Amino acid sequence: MEITGFFKSGRLQVIPRKQKAKDALFDALIDHFEFGRDYTEKKVNEILAAVYDDYAILRRYLVDTGRLERDPYGHHYWRAEKED
């Protein structure tokens, strides 16, 4: 699915409403994170803030959809392994 229409000058303008478009967006966003690397919450926020002002909602979506995992305290994040 094409998601470029949701961006302007490299910044996300709006989170899509349709689930298919959201999934495509979240798949693109998770590519900003490397497998096997540990990220602090601050670093996750920095990465997502470069894309969208409300980085916290993007972080929550990535965690809730299982693309990004975190420790129980929210201090450490990592990219979830792909399921086959």
PDB file of N, CA and C in Angstrom:
ATOM      1  N   MET A   1       0.839  -1.180   0.000  1.00  0.00           N
ATOM      2  CA  MET A   1       0.000   0.000   0.000  1.00  0.00           C
ATOM      3  C   MET A   1       0.883   1.242   0.000  1.00  0.00           C
ATOM      4  N   GLU A   2       0.523   2.225  -0.730  1.00  0.00           N
ATOM      5  CA  GLU A   2       1.258   3.478  -0.845  1.00  0.00           C
ATOM      6  C   GLU A   2       0.912   4.397   0.325  1.00  0.00           C
ATOM      7  N   ILE A   3       1.941   4.853   1.044  1.00  0.00           N
ATOM      8  CA  ILE A   3       1.698   5.712   2.207  1.00  0.00           C
ATOM      9  C   ILE A   3       2.286   7.108   2.031  1.00  0.00           C
ATOM     10  N   THR A   4       2.899   7.383   0.904  1.00  0.00           N
ATOM     11  CA  THR A   4       3.554   8.680   0.710  1.00  0.00           C
ATOM     12  C   THR A   4       2.572   9.842   0.811  1.00  0.00           C
ATOM     13  N   GLY A   5       1.313   9.617   0.540  1.00  0.00           N
ATOM     14  CA  GLY A   5       0.311  10.670   0.624  1.00  0.00           C
ATOM     15  C   GLY A   5       0.084  11.190   2.040  1.00  0.00           C
ATOM     16  N   PHE A   6       0.544  10.435   3.020  1.00  0.00           N
ATOM     17  CA  PHE A   6       0.394  10.850   4.411  1.00  0.00           C
ATOM     18  C   PHE A   6       1.575  11.700   4.892  1.00  0.00           C
ATOM     19  N   PHE A   7       2.564  11.873   4.014  1.00  0.00           N
ATOM     20  CA  PHE A   7       3.777  12.605   4.358  1.00  0.00           C
ATOM     21  C   PHE A   7       3.896  13.895   3.555  1.00  0.00           C
ATOM     22  N   LYS A   8       4.552  14.877   4.157  1.00  0.00           N
ATOM     23  CA  LYS A   8       4.890  16.115   3.477  1.00  0.00           C
ATOM     24  C   LYS A   8       6.281  16.513   3.957  1.00  0.00           C
ATOM     25  N   SER A   9       7.187  16.686   3.029  1.00  0.00           N
ATOM     26  CA  SER A   9       8.576  17.036   3.352  1.00  0.00           C
ATOM     27  C   SER A   9       9.189  16.051   4.349  1.00  0.00           C
ATOM     28  N   GLY A  10       8.868  14.772   4.175  1.00  0.00           N
ATOM     29  CA  GLY A  10       9.433  13.733   5.022  1.00  0.00           C
ATOM     30  C   GLY A  10       8.806  13.580   6.390  1.00  0.00           C
ATOM     31  N   ARG A  11       7.770  14.358   6.682  1.00  0.00           N
ATOM     32  CA  ARG A  11       7.102  14.295   7.981  1.00  0.00           C
ATOM     33  C   ARG A  11       5.687  13.763   7.825  1.00  0.00           C
ATOM     34  N   LEU A  12       5.312  12.891   8.714  1.00  0.00           N
ATOM     35  CA  LEU A  12       3.963  12.347   8.744  1.00  0.00           C
ATOM     36  C   LEU A  12       2.989  13.461   9.117  1.00  0.00           C
ATOM     37  N   GLN A  13       1.966  13.642   8.314  1.00  0.00           N
ATOM     38  CA  GLN A  13       0.978  14.696   8.559  1.00  0.00           C
ATOM     39  C   GLN A  13      -0.206  14.194   9.369  1.00  0.00           C
ATOM     40  N   VAL A  14      -0.587  12.960   9.141  1.00  0.00           N
ATOM     41  CA  VAL A  14      -1.744  12.381   9.830  1.00  0.00           C
ATOM     42  C   VAL A  14      -1.588  10.859   9.860  1.00  0.00           C
ATOM     43  N   ILE A  15      -2.022  10.255  10.945  1.00  0.00           N
ATOM     44  CA  ILE A  15      -2.031   8.798  11.035  1.00  0.00           C
ATOM     45  C   ILE A  15      -3.272   8.319  10.304  1.00  0.00           C
ATOM     46  N   PRO A  16      -3.097   7.415   9.354  1.00  0.00           N
ATOM     47  CA  PRO A  16      -4.248   6.943   8.576  1.00  0.00           C
ATOM     48  C   PRO A  16      -5.322   6.313   9.464  1.00  0.00           C
ATOM     49  N   ARG A  17      -6.545   6.378   8.995  1.00  0.00           N
ATOM     50  CA  ARG A  17      -7.661   5.773   9.736  1.00  0.00           C
ATOM     51  C   ARG A  17      -7.852   4.302   9.390  1.00  0.00           C
ATOM     52  N   LYS A  18      -7.657   3.981   8.110  1.00  0.00           N
ATOM     53  CA  LYS A  18      -7.891   2.596   7.677  1.00  0.00           C
ATOM     54  C   LYS A  18      -6.757   1.700   8.149  1.00  0.00           C
ATOM     55  N   GLN A  19      -7.137   0.520   8.629  1.00  0.00           N
ATOM     56  CA  GLN A  19      -6.167  -0.400   9.220  1.00  0.00           C
ATOM     57  C   GLN A  19      -5.091  -0.813   8.235  1.00  0.00           C
ATOM     58  N   LYS A  20      -5.440  -1.039   6.992  1.00  0.00           N
ATOM     59  CA  LYS A  20      -4.457  -1.459   5.988  1.00  0.00           C
ATOM     60  C   LYS A  20      -3.381  -0.382   5.813  1.00  0.00           C
ATOM     61  N   ALA A  21      -3.792   0.866   5.790  1.00  0.00           N
ATOM     62  CA  ALA A  21      -2.848   1.978   5.660  1.00  0.00           C
ATOM     63  C   ALA A  21      -2.010   2.128   6.933  1.00  0.00           C
ATOM     64  N   LYS A  22      -2.631   1.932   8.096  1.00  0.00           N
ATOM     65  CA  LYS A  22      -1.887   1.979   9.355  1.00  0.00           C
ATOM     66  C   LYS A  22      -0.808   0.909   9.371  1.00  0.00           C
ATOM     67  N   ASP A  23      -1.175  -0.304   8.976  1.00  0.00           N
ATOM     68  CA  ASP A  23      -0.204  -1.400   8.955  1.00  0.00           C
ATOM     69  C   ASP A  23       0.967  -1.075   8.037  1.00  0.00           C
ATOM     70  N   ALA A  24       0.689  -0.498   6.890  1.00  0.00           N
ATOM     71  CA  ALA A  24       1.756  -0.116   5.965  1.00  0.00           C
ATOM     72  C   ALA A  24       2.646   0.962   6.585  1.00  0.00           C
ATOM     73  N   LEU A  25       2.041   1.917   7.257  1.00  0.00           N
ATOM     74  CA  LEU A  25       2.799   2.966   7.933  1.00  0.00           C
ATOM     75  C   LEU A  25       3.685   2.372   9.023  1.00  0.00           C
ATOM     76  N   PHE A  26       3.125   1.518   9.860  1.00  0.00           N
ATOM     77  CA  PHE A  26       3.891   0.946  10.959  1.00  0.00           C
ATOM     78  C   PHE A  26       5.006   0.038  10.442  1.00  0.00           C
ATOM     79  N   ASP A  27       4.763  -0.659   9.334  1.00  0.00           N
ATOM     80  CA  ASP A  27       5.815  -1.471   8.719  1.00  0.00           C
ATOM     81  C   ASP A  27       6.963  -0.585   8.241  1.00  0.00           C
ATOM     82  N   ALA A  28       6.636   0.582   7.712  1.00  0.00           N
ATOM     83  CA  ALA A  28       7.676   1.518   7.266  1.00  0.00           C
ATOM     84  C   ALA A  28       8.420   2.114   8.459  1.00  0.00           C
ATOM     85  N   LEU A  29       7.704   2.445   9.515  1.00  0.00           N
ATOM     86  CA  LEU A  29       8.335   3.047  10.692  1.00  0.00           C
ATOM     87  C   LEU A  29       9.268   2.084  11.414  1.00  0.00           C
ATOM     88  N   ILE A  30       8.883   0.827  11.481  1.00  0.00           N
ATOM     89  CA  ILE A  30       9.713  -0.126  12.215  1.00  0.00           C
ATOM     90  C   ILE A  30      11.053  -0.331  11.521  1.00  0.00           C
ATOM     91  N   ASP A  31      11.124  -0.012  10.243  1.00  0.00           N
ATOM     92  CA  ASP A  31      12.391  -0.133   9.524  1.00  0.00           C
ATOM     93  C   ASP A  31      13.430   0.883   9.991  1.00  0.00           C
ATOM     94  N   HIS A  32      13.033   1.835  10.818  1.00  0.00           N
ATOM     95  CA  HIS A  32      13.977   2.778  11.416  1.00  0.00           C
ATOM     96  C   HIS A  32      14.754   2.147  12.577  1.00  0.00           C
ATOM     97  N   PHE A  33      14.369   0.920  12.954  1.00  0.00           N
ATOM     98  CA  PHE A  33      14.984   0.226  14.077  1.00  0.00           C
ATOM     99  C   PHE A  33      15.673  -1.043  13.588  1.00  0.00           C
ATOM    100  N   GLU A  34      16.843  -1.311  14.143  1.00  0.00           N
ATOM    101  CA  GLU A  34      17.626  -2.476  13.751  1.00  0.00           C
ATOM    102  C   GLU A  34      17.296  -3.673  14.639  1.00  0.00           C
ATOM    103  N   PHE A  35      17.343  -4.858  14.035  1.00  0.00           N
ATOM    104  CA  PHE A  35      17.202  -6.084  14.815  1.00  0.00           C
ATOM    105  C   PHE A  35      18.430  -6.242  15.701  1.00  0.00           C
ATOM    106  N   GLY A  36      18.228  -6.757  16.906  1.00  0.00           N
ATOM    107  CA  GLY A  36      19.332  -7.060  17.805  1.00  0.00           C
ATOM    108  C   GLY A  36      19.926  -5.855  18.516  1.00  0.00           C
ATOM    109  N   ARG A  37      19.326  -4.724  18.376  1.00  0.00           N
ATOM    110  CA  ARG A  37      19.828  -3.517  19.038  1.00  0.00           C
ATOM    111  C   ARG A  37      18.863  -3.103  20.136  1.00  0.00           C
ATOM    112  N   ASP A  38      19.413  -2.666  21.249  1.00  0.00           N
ATOM    113  CA  ASP A  38      18.633  -2.191  22.392  1.00  0.00           C
ATOM    114  C   ASP A  38      18.532  -0.671  22.306  1.00  0.00           C
ATOM    115  N   TYR A  39      17.320  -0.139  22.472  1.00  0.00           N
ATOM    116  CA  TYR A  39      17.080   1.298  22.410  1.00  0.00           C
ATOM    117  C   TYR A  39      16.511   1.783  23.739  1.00  0.00           C
ATOM    118  N   THR A  40      16.960   2.934  24.184  1.00  0.00           N
ATOM    119  CA  THR A  40      16.338   3.559  25.343  1.00  0.00           C
ATOM    120  C   THR A  40      15.037   4.203  24.882  1.00  0.00           C
ATOM    121  N   GLU A  41      14.169   4.507  25.823  1.00  0.00           N
ATOM    122  CA  GLU A  41      12.932   5.193  25.463  1.00  0.00           C
ATOM    123  C   GLU A  41      13.253   6.549  24.823  1.00  0.00           C
ATOM    124  N   LYS A  42      14.264   7.203  25.333  1.00  0.00           N
ATOM    125  CA  LYS A  42      14.664   8.498  24.776  1.00  0.00           C
ATOM    126  C   LYS A  42      15.070   8.367  23.312  1.00  0.00           C
ATOM    127  N   LYS A  43      15.824   7.338  22.980  1.00  0.00           N
ATOM    128  CA  LYS A  43      16.262   7.137  21.592  1.00  0.00           C
ATOM    129  C   LYS A  43      15.079   6.790  20.688  1.00  0.00           C
ATOM    130  N   VAL A  44      14.182   5.950  21.177  1.00  0.00           N
ATOM    131  CA  VAL A  44      12.973   5.630  20.403  1.00  0.00           C
ATOM    132  C   VAL A  44      12.202   6.915  20.121  1.00  0.00           C
ATOM    133  N   ASN A  45      12.054   7.748  21.147  1.00  0.00           N
ATOM    134  CA  ASN A  45      11.338   9.015  20.985  1.00  0.00           C
ATOM    135  C   ASN A  45      12.025   9.911  19.953  1.00  0.00           C
ATOM    136  N   GLU A  46      13.345   9.981  19.994  1.00  0.00           N
ATOM    137  CA  GLU A  46      14.090  10.798  19.021  1.00  0.00           C
ATOM    138  C   GLU A  46      13.855  10.319  17.594  1.00  0.00           C
ATOM    139  N   ILE A  47      13.911   9.021  17.402  1.00  0.00           N
ATOM    140  CA  ILE A  47      13.720   8.446  16.066  1.00  0.00           C
ATOM    141  C   ILE A  47      12.318   8.762  15.552  1.00  0.00           C
ATOM    142  N   LEU A  48      11.314   8.558  16.395  1.00  0.00           N
ATOM    143  CA  LEU A  48       9.933   8.778  15.973  1.00  0.00           C
ATOM    144  C   LEU A  48       9.577  10.252  15.879  1.00  0.00           C
ATOM    145  N   ALA A  49      10.183  11.100  16.709  1.00  0.00           N
ATOM    146  CA  ALA A  49       9.924  12.545  16.662  1.00  0.00           C
ATOM    147  C   ALA A  49      10.421  13.151  15.358  1.00  0.00           C
ATOM    148  N   ALA A  50      11.386  12.511  14.731  1.00  0.00           N
ATOM    149  CA  ALA A  50      11.876  12.989  13.434  1.00  0.00           C
ATOM    150  C   ALA A  50      10.832  12.793  12.337  1.00  0.00           C
ATOM    151  N   VAL A  51       9.834  11.947  12.626  1.00  0.00           N
ATOM    152  CA  VAL A  51       8.795  11.632  11.653  1.00  0.00           C
ATOM    153  C   VAL A  51       7.467  12.320  11.976  1.00  0.00           C
ATOM    154  N   TYR A  52       7.152  12.439  13.276  1.00  0.00           N
ATOM    155  CA  TYR A  52       5.821  12.916  13.678  1.00  0.00           C
ATOM    156  C   TYR A  52       5.913  13.565  15.056  1.00  0.00           C
ATOM    157  N   ASP A  53       5.200  14.658  15.246  1.00  0.00           N
ATOM    158  CA  ASP A  53       5.261  15.380  16.521  1.00  0.00           C
ATOM    159  C   ASP A  53       4.790  14.538  17.704  1.00  0.00           C
ATOM    160  N   ASP A  54       3.729  13.765  17.521  1.00  0.00           N
ATOM    161  CA  ASP A  54       3.215  12.932  18.609  1.00  0.00           C
ATOM    162  C   ASP A  54       3.910  11.563  18.561  1.00  0.00           C
ATOM    163  N   TYR A  55       5.200  11.572  18.896  1.00  0.00           N
ATOM    164  CA  TYR A  55       6.004  10.354  18.838  1.00  0.00           C
ATOM    165  C   TYR A  55       5.508   9.303  19.824  1.00  0.00           C
ATOM    166  N   ALA A  56       4.892   9.727  20.922  1.00  0.00           N
ATOM    167  CA  ALA A  56       4.423   8.774  21.932  1.00  0.00           C
ATOM    168  C   ALA A  56       3.331   7.865  21.377  1.00  0.00           C
ATOM    169  N   ILE A  57       2.445   8.425  20.557  1.00  0.00           N
ATOM    170  CA  ILE A  57       1.382   7.588  19.978  1.00  0.00           C
ATOM    171  C   ILE A  57       1.970   6.590  18.978  1.00  0.00           C
ATOM    172  N   LEU A  58       2.980   7.021  18.239  1.00  0.00           N
ATOM    173  CA  LEU A  58       3.629   6.091  17.308  1.00  0.00           C
ATOM    174  C   LEU A  58       4.332   4.973  18.075  1.00  0.00           C
ATOM    175  N   ARG A  59       5.011   5.337  19.165  1.00  0.00           N
ATOM    176  CA  ARG A  59       5.681   4.327  19.989  1.00  0.00           C
ATOM    177  C   ARG A  59       4.662   3.335  20.529  1.00  0.00           C
ATOM    178  N   ARG A  60       3.537   3.837  21.011  1.00  0.00           N
ATOM    179  CA  ARG A  60       2.486   2.972  21.548  1.00  0.00           C
ATOM    180  C   ARG A  60       1.946   2.035  20.474  1.00  0.00           C
ATOM    181  N   TYR A  61       1.680   2.570  19.279  1.00  0.00           N
ATOM    182  CA  TYR A  61       1.193   1.728  18.179  1.00  0.00           C
ATOM    183  C   TYR A  61       2.203   0.632  17.836  1.00  0.00           C
ATOM    184  N   LEU A  62       3.475   0.981  17.774  1.00  0.00           N
ATOM    185  CA  LEU A  62       4.492  -0.020  17.424  1.00  0.00           C
ATOM    186  C   LEU A  62       4.578  -1.115  18.474  1.00  0.00           C
ATOM    187  N   VAL A  63       4.436  -0.743  19.737  1.00  0.00           N
ATOM    188  CA  VAL A  63       4.436  -1.741  20.809  1.00  0.00           C
ATOM    189  C   VAL A  63       3.149  -2.564  20.773  1.00  0.00           C
ATOM    190  N   ASP A  64       2.023  -1.890  20.663  1.00  0.00           N
ATOM    191  CA  ASP A  64       0.729  -2.592  20.676  1.00  0.00           C
ATOM    192  C   ASP A  64       0.562  -3.551  19.512  1.00  0.00           C
ATOM    193  N   THR A  65       1.181  -3.250  18.381  1.00  0.00           N
ATOM    194  CA  THR A  65       1.059  -4.128  17.213  1.00  0.00           C
ATOM    195  C   THR A  65       2.148  -5.194  17.174  1.00  0.00           C
ATOM    196  N   GLY A  66       3.008  -5.209  18.194  1.00  0.00           N
ATOM    197  CA  GLY A  66       4.021  -6.253  18.292  1.00  0.00           C
ATOM    198  C   GLY A  66       5.240  -6.037  17.421  1.00  0.00           C
ATOM    199  N   ARG A  67       5.385  -4.869  16.853  1.00  0.00           N
ATOM    200  CA  ARG A  67       6.557  -4.588  16.015  1.00  0.00           C
ATOM    201  C   ARG A  67       7.760  -4.174  16.854  1.00  0.00           C
ATOM    202  N   LEU A  68       7.472  -3.560  17.989  1.00  0.00           N
ATOM    203  CA  LEU A  68       8.502  -3.102  18.910  1.00  0.00           C
ATOM    204  C   LEU A  68       8.163  -3.696  20.273  1.00  0.00           C
ATOM    205  N   GLU A  69       9.170  -4.244  20.935  1.00  0.00           N
ATOM    206  CA  GLU A  69       8.950  -4.809  22.266  1.00  0.00           C
ATOM    207  C   GLU A  69       9.685  -3.952  23.287  1.00  0.00           C
ATOM    208  N   ARG A  70       9.256  -4.078  24.535  1.00  0.00           N
ATOM    209  CA  ARG A  70       9.888  -3.303  25.594  1.00  0.00           C
ATOM    210  C   ARG A  70       9.915  -4.093  26.886  1.00  0.00           C
ATOM    211  N   ASP A  71      10.798  -3.665  27.789  1.00  0.00           N
ATOM    212  CA  ASP A  71      10.817  -4.304  29.095  1.00  0.00           C
ATOM    213  C   ASP A  71       9.594  -3.825  29.884  1.00  0.00           C
ATOM    214  N   PRO A  72       9.280  -4.467  30.995  1.00  0.00           N
ATOM    215  CA  PRO A  72       8.068  -4.100  31.748  1.00  0.00           C
ATOM    216  C   PRO A  72       8.045  -2.660  32.254  1.00  0.00           C
ATOM    217  N   TYR A  73       9.204  -2.040  32.338  1.00  0.00           N
ATOM    218  CA  TYR A  73       9.290  -0.682  32.866  1.00  0.00           C
ATOM    219  C   TYR A  73       9.346   0.385  31.780  1.00  0.00           C
ATOM    220  N   GLY A  74       9.444  -0.036  30.522  1.00  0.00           N
ATOM    221  CA  GLY A  74       9.497   0.908  29.419  1.00  0.00           C
ATOM    222  C   GLY A  74      10.827   1.611  29.283  1.00  0.00           C
ATOM    223  N   HIS A  75      11.876   1.030  29.856  1.00  0.00           N
ATOM    224  CA  HIS A  75      13.205   1.652  29.780  1.00  0.00           C
ATOM    225  C   HIS A  75      13.989   1.183  28.566  1.00  0.00           C
ATOM    226  N   HIS A  76      13.753  -0.054  28.134  1.00  0.00           N
ATOM    227  CA  HIS A  76      14.497  -0.632  27.018  1.00  0.00           C
ATOM    228  C   HIS A  76      13.531  -1.174  25.974  1.00  0.00           C
ATOM    229  N   TYR A  77      13.838  -0.872  24.732  1.00  0.00           N
ATOM    230  CA  TYR A  77      13.013  -1.285  23.594  1.00  0.00           C
ATOM    231  C   TYR A  77      13.894  -2.009  22.588  1.00  0.00           C
ATOM    232  N   TRP A  78      13.289  -2.900  21.815  1.00  0.00           N
ATOM    233  CA  TRP A  78      13.994  -3.583  20.747  1.00  0.00           C
ATOM    234  C   TRP A  78      12.990  -3.981  19.674  1.00  0.00           C
ATOM    235  N   ARG A  79      13.509  -4.136  18.477  1.00  0.00           N
ATOM    236  CA  ARG A  79      12.654  -4.526  17.360  1.00  0.00           C
ATOM    237  C   ARG A  79      12.303  -5.999  17.522  1.00  0.00           C
ATOM    238  N   ALA A  80      11.040  -6.301  17.414  1.00  0.00           N
ATOM    239  CA  ALA A  80      10.564  -7.669  17.557  1.00  0.00           C
ATOM    240  C   ALA A  80      11.031  -8.507  16.373  1.00  0.00           C
ATOM    241  N   GLU A  81      11.338  -9.757  16.654  1.00  0.00           N
ATOM    242  CA  GLU A  81      11.716 -10.678  15.580  1.00  0.00           C
ATOM    243  C   GLU A  81      10.497 -10.963  14.726  1.00  0.00           C
ATOM    244  N   LYS A  82      10.745 -11.113  13.451  1.00  0.00           N
ATOM    245  CA  LYS A  82       9.639 -11.395  12.517  1.00  0.00           C
ATOM    246  C   LYS A  82       9.128 -12.805  12.739  1.00  0.00           C
ATOM    247  N   GLU A  83       7.815 -12.919  12.685  1.00  0.00           N
ATOM    248  CA  GLU A  83       7.194 -14.239  12.785  1.00  0.00           C
ATOM    249  C   GLU A  83       6.955 -14.767  11.381  1.00  0.00           C
ATOM    250  N   ASP A  84       7.208 -16.050  11.192  1.00  0.00           N
ATOM    251  CA  ASP A  84       6.977 -16.662   9.867  1.00  0.00           C
ATOM    252  C   ASP A  84       5.561 -17.098   9.675  1.00  0.00           C
TER     253      ASP A  84
END
